[in-house]
């Protein structure tokens, strides 16, 4: 791996034309410094991309046994399940998790990863499509092993575990078709996440294969709570025409379901509904939600193995492709 030389406090001091002690005072606010000097130091830090190492004393040249984990949201049961499984696996390996919930915000992503780097993390796991492309580059520059779950981050060479989301969207839509639906809508968060876009591609493929020309795609205008998206979009689905709904996540599907039940819509007699992820509540809710099961356990185990192999200096696999599966429950009719 070609690793860029880590920027040091000496580099900052040289560019700002001050001593290293002055740089330290600015960073730690440990002694009075003039505004003019403070400004020069901060500008140098920004120019060089310097990340202070708060654990350097006593840990010089070594890393901690901590792993950074970035998720976009923690209230979504899908990400909660990933966090839980990864924590269980890594704990057995005597690793601790640093968890960051970024809300998919570009600046927050970069801020968190810089903070984690300053604490000498051993590795990082990314669970979604990052908004800030500099995050992966920064990890690579510092030689920090990383794995991305359920996404393909552009031209980056970071190891990834991909899930066949297009096939999952195809499975969901084909099941609705086979259960008798002919006017099928899809509801989704904004397509800033590549997996969501691929699920909708699968939806369109299944409709085309069946010769169905009706298509209704409802996308949220901006990132927000998925349950709220489903709840608010549901009114547009109660039009007397839609007879099937594919929600691109279970959390979103539950928002749709709640509104449907409030409006007296019979599920699946009036409208069939299928989600995506197979989170724990899908089996115990009433009605139980039909869904596409994500291989969360397998993805977590493979991702951890890929990361630990990198940390140990072993040859690491670069790519895995996992397949989702259909789970038929109460919110869709049995295939006809």
Protein backbone atom coordinates (compact mmCIF):
# COMPACT_ATOMS: atom_id res chain seq x y z
CA UNK A 1 0.00 0.00 0.00
CA UNK A 2 1.35 3.43 -0.89
CA UNK A 3 0.89 5.38 2.31
CA UNK A 4 1.28 9.14 2.34
CA UNK A 5 3.63 10.43 5.04
CA UNK A 6 1.65 11.50 8.08
CA UNK A 7 1.65 15.26 8.62
CA UNK A 8 3.33 16.14 11.90
CA UNK A 9 3.20 19.02 14.35
CA UNK A 10 6.67 19.96 13.08
CA UNK A 11 5.25 20.44 9.57
CA UNK A 12 2.52 22.72 10.92
CA UNK A 13 5.00 24.74 12.95
CA UNK A 14 7.29 25.17 9.94
CA UNK A 15 4.48 26.37 7.65
CA UNK A 16 3.10 28.75 10.31
CA UNK A 17 6.60 30.01 11.20
CA UNK A 18 6.15 29.24 14.89
CA UNK A 19 7.51 26.72 17.37
CA UNK A 20 5.97 23.29 17.97
CA UNK A 21 5.15 24.45 21.49
CA UNK A 22 3.03 27.27 20.04
CA UNK A 23 1.18 24.80 17.80
CA UNK A 24 0.50 22.66 20.86
CA UNK A 25 -0.80 25.68 22.79
CA UNK A 26 -3.22 26.52 19.96
CA UNK A 27 -4.50 22.96 19.68
CA UNK A 28 -4.89 22.42 23.43
CA UNK A 29 -5.70 26.04 24.36
CA UNK A 30 -3.09 25.64 27.09
CA UNK A 31 -1.46 29.08 26.97
CA UNK A 32 -2.24 32.59 25.69
CA UNK A 33 -1.53 33.02 21.95
CA UNK A 34 -2.16 36.14 19.88
CA UNK A 35 -5.04 36.03 17.42
CA UNK A 36 -2.66 36.61 14.52
CA UNK A 37 -0.49 33.63 15.49
CA UNK A 38 -3.54 31.45 16.26
CA UNK A 39 -4.92 32.26 12.81
CA UNK A 40 -1.63 31.29 11.12
CA UNK A 41 -1.49 27.99 12.99
CA UNK A 42 -5.11 27.10 12.22
CA UNK A 43 -4.61 27.97 8.55
CA UNK A 44 -1.53 25.71 8.44
CA UNK A 45 -3.47 22.87 10.09
CA UNK A 46 -6.23 23.23 7.50
CA UNK A 47 -3.79 23.47 4.56
CA UNK A 48 -1.83 20.39 5.61
CA UNK A 49 -4.83 18.37 6.79
CA UNK A 50 -3.11 17.81 10.12
CA UNK A 51 -4.89 15.52 12.58
CA UNK A 52 -3.62 15.88 16.18
CA UNK A 53 -2.82 12.57 17.85
CA UNK A 54 -4.24 12.86 21.36
CA UNK A 55 -2.90 9.46 22.35
CA UNK A 56 0.63 9.96 21.15
CA UNK A 57 2.10 10.22 24.64
CA UNK A 58 2.85 6.69 25.78
CA UNK A 59 1.51 5.16 22.56
CA UNK A 60 3.97 6.44 20.01
CA UNK A 61 4.07 4.20 16.95
CA UNK A 62 1.24 1.96 18.15
CA UNK A 63 -2.50 1.78 17.69
CA UNK A 64 -5.29 0.98 20.10
CA UNK A 65 -7.59 -2.02 19.85
CA UNK A 66 -10.50 0.15 18.74
CA UNK A 67 -12.50 -0.06 15.52
CA UNK A 68 -14.46 2.90 14.16
CA UNK A 69 -17.97 2.17 12.91
CA UNK A 70 -19.91 4.73 10.85
CA UNK A 71 -23.68 4.40 10.47
CA UNK A 72 -26.09 6.99 9.03
CA UNK A 73 -28.77 6.45 11.68
CA UNK A 74 -29.24 4.33 14.76
CA UNK A 75 -33.04 4.47 15.10
CA UNK A 76 -33.41 2.41 11.91
CA UNK A 77 -33.58 -1.22 13.12
CA UNK A 78 -31.44 -2.38 10.18
CA UNK A 79 -28.42 -0.37 11.34
CA UNK A 80 -29.11 -1.25 14.98
CA UNK A 81 -28.92 -4.93 14.02
CA UNK A 82 -25.60 -4.40 12.21
CA UNK A 83 -24.13 -2.54 15.19
CA UNK A 84 -25.24 -5.27 17.59
CA UNK A 85 -23.80 -8.09 15.47
CA UNK A 86 -20.48 -6.35 14.79
CA UNK A 87 -20.05 -5.49 18.46
CA UNK A 88 -20.61 -9.14 19.42
CA UNK A 89 -18.07 -10.41 16.88
CA UNK A 90 -15.40 -7.80 17.61
CA UNK A 91 -15.74 -8.19 21.38
CA UNK A 92 -14.69 -11.83 20.99
CA UNK A 93 -11.59 -10.53 19.19
CA UNK A 94 -10.87 -8.14 22.11
CA UNK A 95 -11.75 -5.14 19.97
CA UNK A 96 -13.88 -2.19 21.04
CA UNK A 97 -16.18 -0.15 18.83
CA UNK A 98 -16.16 3.62 18.41
CA UNK A 99 -19.65 4.29 17.03
CA UNK A 100 -20.51 7.39 15.01
CA UNK A 101 -24.02 8.22 13.82
CA UNK A 102 -23.48 10.70 10.98
CA UNK A 103 -27.01 11.29 9.59
CA UNK A 104 -25.27 11.02 6.21
CA UNK A 105 -23.90 14.54 6.72
CA UNK A 106 -20.71 15.17 4.73
CA UNK A 107 -19.02 17.43 7.29
CA UNK A 108 -19.95 15.20 10.19
CA UNK A 109 -18.48 12.17 8.43
CA UNK A 110 -15.14 13.92 7.97
CA UNK A 111 -15.16 15.34 11.49
CA UNK A 112 -15.77 11.92 13.04
CA UNK A 113 -13.13 10.13 11.00
CA UNK A 114 -10.50 12.77 11.80
CA UNK A 115 -11.34 12.40 15.48
CA UNK A 116 -11.08 8.62 15.27
CA UNK A 117 -7.73 8.82 13.48
CA UNK A 118 -6.43 11.07 16.25
CA UNK A 119 -7.22 8.27 18.71
CA UNK A 120 -5.18 5.70 16.78
CA UNK A 121 -7.99 3.41 15.64
CA UNK A 122 -6.89 0.05 14.23
CA UNK A 123 -9.52 -0.01 11.50
CA UNK A 124 -12.86 1.29 10.28
CA UNK A 125 -16.14 -0.18 9.05
CA UNK A 126 -18.46 1.91 6.86
CA UNK A 127 -22.07 0.69 6.58
CA UNK A 128 -23.55 2.96 3.92
CA UNK A 129 -22.89 5.24 0.92
CA UNK A 130 -20.72 8.04 2.28
CA UNK A 131 -21.56 11.62 1.34
CA UNK A 132 -17.92 12.71 1.69
CA UNK A 133 -15.49 10.94 -0.65
CA UNK A 134 -12.51 12.30 1.32
CA UNK A 135 -13.24 9.96 4.25
CA UNK A 136 -11.97 6.82 2.52
CA UNK A 137 -9.03 8.69 1.04
CA UNK A 138 -8.05 9.97 4.47
CA UNK A 139 -8.14 6.46 5.93
CA UNK A 140 -5.97 5.21 3.07
CA UNK A 141 -3.52 8.11 3.49
CA UNK A 142 -3.03 7.15 7.14
CA UNK A 143 -2.76 3.46 6.30
CA UNK A 144 -5.81 2.52 8.34
CA UNK A 145 -7.56 -0.70 7.22
CA UNK A 146 -11.18 -0.25 6.20
CA UNK A 147 -14.14 -2.29 4.97
CA UNK A 148 -17.34 -1.01 3.35
CA UNK A 149 -20.61 -2.93 3.82
CA UNK A 150 -23.46 -2.92 1.28
CA UNK A 151 -22.00 -0.31 -1.05
CA UNK A 152 -19.46 0.11 -3.84
CA UNK A 153 -17.57 3.36 -3.14
CA UNK A 154 -16.67 4.56 -6.63
CA UNK A 155 -13.08 4.02 -7.72
CA UNK A 156 -11.79 3.29 -4.24
CA UNK A 157 -9.83 0.07 -3.71
CA UNK A 158 -11.25 -0.41 -0.22
CA UNK A 159 -12.53 -3.99 0.32
CA UNK A 160 -16.30 -4.21 0.05
CA UNK A 161 -19.11 -6.61 0.78
CA UNK A 162 -21.81 -6.01 -1.79
CA UNK A 163 -25.37 -7.24 -1.57
CA UNK A 164 -27.27 -7.81 -4.80
CA UNK A 165 -29.79 -5.03 -4.22
CA UNK A 166 -31.09 -5.04 -7.78
CA UNK A 167 -31.96 -8.71 -7.39
CA UNK A 168 -33.62 -7.93 -4.06
CA UNK A 169 -35.81 -5.24 -5.64
CA UNK A 170 -36.64 -7.66 -8.43
CA UNK A 171 -37.61 -10.39 -5.93
CA UNK A 172 -39.89 -8.05 -3.98
CA UNK A 173 -41.70 -6.78 -7.06
CA UNK A 174 -41.98 -10.20 -8.70
CA UNK A 175 -43.58 -11.56 -5.53
CA UNK A 176 -46.19 -8.77 -5.58
CA UNK A 177 -46.90 -9.56 -9.23
CA UNK A 178 -47.22 -13.27 -8.54
CA UNK A 179 -49.59 -12.53 -5.67
CA UNK A 180 -51.93 -10.76 -8.10
CA UNK A 181 -50.85 -7.10 -7.95
CA UNK A 182 -50.77 -5.16 -11.23
CA UNK A 183 -50.52 -1.52 -10.09
CA UNK A 184 -47.38 -1.56 -7.98
CA UNK A 185 -45.77 1.53 -6.46
CA UNK A 186 -42.36 1.87 -4.85
CA UNK A 187 -41.61 4.22 -1.94
CA UNK A 188 -38.06 5.20 -1.06
CA UNK A 189 -35.77 7.59 0.71
CA UNK A 190 -33.79 9.91 -1.60
CA UNK A 191 -31.51 7.92 -3.88
CA UNK A 192 -28.30 9.20 -2.31
CA UNK A 193 -27.59 5.62 -1.26
CA UNK A 194 -26.55 3.41 -4.17
CA UNK A 195 -28.34 0.30 -2.80
CA UNK A 196 -31.69 2.11 -2.91
CA UNK A 197 -31.22 3.07 -6.55
CA UNK A 198 -30.39 -0.53 -7.40
CA UNK A 199 -33.50 -1.80 -5.61
CA UNK A 200 -35.62 0.47 -7.77
CA UNK A 201 -33.80 -0.82 -10.86
CA UNK A 202 -34.87 -4.30 -9.79
CA UNK A 203 -38.46 -3.05 -9.39
CA UNK A 204 -38.46 -1.70 -12.95
CA UNK A 205 -36.91 -4.89 -14.32
CA UNK A 206 -39.61 -7.08 -12.76
CA UNK A 207 -42.39 -4.84 -14.15
CA UNK A 208 -40.87 -4.89 -17.63
CA UNK A 209 -40.42 -8.65 -17.54
CA UNK A 210 -44.11 -9.07 -16.68
CA UNK A 211 -45.22 -6.62 -19.39
CA UNK A 212 -46.66 -4.20 -16.82
CA UNK A 213 -46.52 -0.57 -17.94
CA UNK A 214 -47.90 0.97 -14.74
CA UNK A 215 -45.16 2.46 -12.57
CA UNK A 216 -45.32 4.80 -9.60
CA UNK A 217 -42.11 5.85 -7.84
CA UNK A 218 -42.43 8.02 -4.74
CA UNK A 219 -39.15 9.46 -3.46
CA UNK A 220 -38.60 11.68 -0.43
CA UNK A 221 -37.32 15.13 -1.32
CA UNK A 222 -34.62 15.16 1.34
CA UNK A 223 -33.06 12.76 3.87
CA UNK A 224 -35.26 12.30 6.93
CA UNK A 225 -36.56 9.58 9.24
CA UNK A 226 -37.60 6.63 7.05
CA UNK A 227 -40.68 5.84 9.13
CA UNK A 228 -41.91 9.41 8.65
CA UNK A 229 -41.28 9.17 4.90
CA UNK A 230 -43.44 6.06 4.69
CA UNK A 231 -46.18 7.54 6.82
CA UNK A 232 -46.37 10.77 4.81
CA UNK A 233 -46.18 9.11 1.40
CA UNK A 234 -48.89 6.57 2.24
CA UNK A 235 -51.76 8.96 1.43
CA UNK A 236 -50.54 9.11 -2.18
CA UNK A 237 -50.91 5.34 -2.39
CA UNK A 238 -54.53 5.21 -1.26
CA UNK A 239 -55.91 6.25 -4.64
CA UNK A 240 -58.08 3.29 -5.54
CA UNK A 241 -55.56 2.23 -8.18
CA UNK A 242 -52.42 1.06 -6.36
CA UNK A 243 -52.77 -2.57 -5.26
CA UNK A 244 -49.18 -3.30 -4.28
CA UNK A 245 -46.38 -1.34 -2.56
CA UNK A 246 -42.67 -2.06 -2.40
CA UNK A 247 -40.97 -0.06 0.37
CA UNK A 248 -37.18 0.01 0.05
CA UNK A 249 -36.66 -0.58 3.80
CA UNK A 250 -38.68 -2.23 6.56
CA UNK A 251 -38.55 0.91 8.68
CA UNK A 252 -40.12 2.85 5.84
CA UNK A 253 -42.67 0.05 5.25
CA UNK A 254 -43.84 0.34 8.85
CA UNK A 255 -44.59 4.02 8.31
CA UNK A 256 -46.72 3.09 5.29
CA UNK A 257 -48.39 0.28 7.23
CA UNK A 258 -49.31 2.49 10.16
CA UNK A 259 -51.01 5.04 7.90
CA UNK A 260 -52.79 2.32 5.93
CA UNK A 261 -54.24 0.83 9.12
CA UNK A 262 -55.33 4.29 10.33
CA UNK A 263 -57.19 4.77 7.04
CA UNK A 264 -58.90 1.38 7.16
CA UNK A 265 -56.92 -0.15 4.30
CA UNK A 266 -57.04 -3.94 4.48
CA UNK A 267 -53.63 -5.58 4.15
CA UNK A 268 -53.14 -7.51 1.89
CA UNK A 269 -56.73 -7.65 0.57
CA UNK A 270 -56.78 -4.02 -0.64
CA UNK A 271 -53.04 -3.39 -1.00
CA UNK A 272 -50.12 -5.78 -0.69
CA UNK A 273 -47.03 -4.44 1.09
CA UNK A 274 -43.46 -5.69 1.14
CA UNK A 275 -40.41 -4.19 2.82
CA UNK A 276 -36.67 -4.72 2.67
CA UNK A 277 -34.07 -5.77 5.31
CA UNK A 278 -35.91 -8.37 7.47
CA UNK A 279 -35.33 -6.62 10.79
CA UNK A 280 -36.40 -8.42 13.95
CA UNK A 281 -39.81 -6.76 14.29
CA UNK A 282 -41.00 -8.03 10.90
CA UNK A 283 -41.73 -11.44 12.42
CA UNK A 284 -43.52 -10.28 15.55
CA UNK A 285 -45.55 -7.31 14.31
CA UNK A 286 -49.22 -7.76 13.45
CA UNK A 287 -49.62 -8.14 10.58
CA UNK A 288 -46.15 -9.68 10.12
CA UNK A 289 -44.32 -7.89 7.31
CA UNK A 290 -43.31 -9.63 4.10
CA UNK A 291 -39.81 -8.52 3.23
CA UNK A 292 -36.49 -9.14 1.53
CA UNK A 293 -33.98 -10.54 4.01
CA UNK A 294 -30.54 -8.95 4.12
CA UNK A 295 -27.74 -11.37 5.10
CA UNK A 296 -26.78 -9.23 8.11
CA UNK A 297 -25.03 -11.98 10.06
CA UNK A 298 -23.01 -13.24 7.09
CA UNK A 299 -22.14 -9.69 6.01
CA UNK A 300 -20.99 -8.79 9.53
CA UNK A 301 -18.87 -11.92 9.91
CA UNK A 302 -17.22 -11.56 6.49
CA UNK A 303 -16.66 -7.85 7.00
CA UNK A 304 -14.97 -8.43 10.34
CA UNK A 305 -12.75 -11.16 8.89
CA UNK A 306 -11.72 -8.93 5.98
CA UNK A 307 -10.85 -6.10 8.36
CA UNK A 308 -8.93 -8.27 10.84
CA UNK A 309 -6.93 -9.83 8.02
CA UNK A 310 -5.86 -6.37 6.93
CA UNK A 311 -4.94 -5.39 10.48
CA UNK A 312 -2.81 -8.56 10.79
CA UNK A 313 -1.09 -7.82 7.49
CA UNK A 314 -2.62 -10.84 5.77
CA UNK A 315 -3.88 -10.93 2.22
CA UNK A 316 -7.44 -9.56 2.36
CA UNK A 317 -10.27 -10.40 0.00
CA UNK A 318 -11.35 -7.35 -2.01
CA UNK A 319 -14.96 -8.18 -2.82
CA UNK A 320 -17.84 -10.42 -1.79
CA UNK A 321 -21.28 -10.51 -3.39
CA UNK A 322 -24.10 -11.77 -1.15
CA UNK A 323 -27.68 -12.59 -2.14
CA UNK A 324 -30.87 -11.46 -0.35
CA UNK A 325 -33.85 -13.77 0.13
CA UNK A 326 -37.65 -13.40 0.02
CA UNK A 327 -39.61 -13.77 3.26
CA UNK A 328 -43.37 -14.12 2.69
CA UNK A 329 -45.54 -13.17 5.67
CA UNK A 330 -48.95 -11.58 6.32
CA UNK A 331 -48.79 -8.30 4.34
CA UNK A 332 -48.76 -9.98 0.93
CA UNK A 333 -50.98 -12.71 -0.48
CA UNK A 334 -49.46 -16.10 -1.28
CA UNK A 335 -48.28 -16.41 -4.88
CA UNK A 336 -51.20 -17.14 -7.21
